[in-house]
């Protein structure tokens, strides 16, 4: 994953200037919070989070459908 250095802040700055960090999230949809000079946390706009969550749910549903389809005979046998 590529990180935009303009969207990185230290944990100290996030603690001291949360409203400023929230404005960055409003503008850029996310901010990476660094701890000990390493990416540690992501502050994510809720709408962006919802999009990612829905996408992950769709992936899980697709996988579940594939497993069901590939093993339909076994599931039918177990249901007897």
Protein backbone atom coordinates (compact mmCIF):
# COMPACT_ATOMS: atom_id res chain seq x y z
CA UNK A 1 0.00 0.00 0.00
CA UNK A 2 1.35 3.41 -0.93
CA UNK A 3 1.07 6.07 1.74
CA UNK A 4 0.72 9.75 1.00
CA UNK A 5 3.07 11.65 3.30
CA UNK A 6 0.64 14.59 3.26
CA UNK A 7 -1.87 12.35 5.01
CA UNK A 8 0.48 11.21 7.80
CA UNK A 9 0.54 12.73 11.28
CA UNK A 10 2.26 11.79 14.49
CA UNK A 11 0.22 10.41 17.35
CA UNK A 12 1.26 13.46 19.37
CA UNK A 13 -0.15 15.81 16.76
CA UNK A 14 -3.34 13.77 16.55
CA UNK A 15 -3.75 13.99 20.33
CA UNK A 16 -3.04 17.72 20.49
CA UNK A 17 -4.91 18.82 17.36
CA UNK A 18 -7.72 16.34 16.83
CA UNK A 19 -10.02 18.90 15.18
CA UNK A 20 -7.27 19.67 12.64
CA UNK A 21 -6.84 15.96 11.93
CA UNK A 22 -10.61 15.55 11.59
CA UNK A 23 -10.61 18.33 8.97
CA UNK A 24 -7.89 16.48 7.06
CA UNK A 25 -10.07 13.38 7.10
CA UNK A 26 -13.00 15.47 5.82
CA UNK A 27 -10.83 16.59 2.92
CA UNK A 28 -8.87 13.43 2.14
CA UNK A 29 -11.15 10.68 3.55
CA UNK A 30 -8.36 9.21 5.69
CA UNK A 31 -5.25 10.04 7.70
CA UNK A 32 -2.47 7.70 8.77
CA UNK A 33 -1.37 8.21 12.37
CA UNK A 34 2.26 7.36 13.03
CA UNK A 35 3.60 5.89 16.27
CA UNK A 36 7.37 5.64 16.74
CA UNK A 37 7.77 6.81 13.13
CA UNK A 38 5.79 3.86 11.77
CA UNK A 39 2.23 3.77 10.42
CA UNK A 40 0.09 2.49 13.29
CA UNK A 41 -3.50 3.71 12.91
CA UNK A 42 -5.84 4.97 10.22
CA UNK A 43 -8.51 7.55 10.91
CA UNK A 44 -11.11 6.91 8.23
CA UNK A 45 -14.18 8.83 7.10
CA UNK A 46 -17.26 6.79 8.08
CA UNK A 47 -18.67 6.78 4.53
CA UNK A 48 -15.34 5.42 3.26
CA UNK A 49 -15.40 2.78 6.00
CA UNK A 50 -18.94 1.80 4.98
CA UNK A 51 -17.85 1.39 1.35
CA UNK A 52 -14.96 -0.85 2.38
CA UNK A 53 -17.20 -2.86 4.72
CA UNK A 54 -19.80 -3.45 2.02
CA UNK A 55 -17.07 -4.48 -0.39
CA UNK A 56 -15.70 -7.00 2.13
CA UNK A 57 -19.21 -8.38 2.78
CA UNK A 58 -19.69 -8.82 -0.97
CA UNK A 59 -16.39 -10.70 -1.19
CA UNK A 60 -17.45 -12.99 1.67
CA UNK A 61 -20.82 -13.60 0.03
CA UNK A 62 -19.09 -14.50 -3.24
CA UNK A 63 -16.78 -16.93 -1.47
CA UNK A 64 -19.69 -18.48 0.45
CA UNK A 65 -21.66 -18.91 -2.79
CA UNK A 66 -18.69 -20.59 -4.46
CA UNK A 67 -18.17 -22.99 -1.55
CA UNK A 68 -21.87 -23.84 -1.50
CA UNK A 69 -21.92 -24.41 -5.26
CA UNK A 70 -18.75 -26.55 -5.23
CA UNK A 71 -20.02 -28.68 -2.34
CA UNK A 72 -23.75 -28.70 -3.01
CA UNK A 73 -23.98 -32.50 -3.12
CA UNK A 74 -22.23 -32.84 0.23
CA UNK A 75 -24.48 -30.19 1.81
CA UNK A 76 -27.57 -31.97 0.45
CA UNK A 77 -26.32 -35.24 1.91
CA UNK A 78 -25.72 -33.63 5.29
CA UNK A 79 -29.20 -32.12 5.26
CA UNK A 80 -30.86 -35.55 5.08
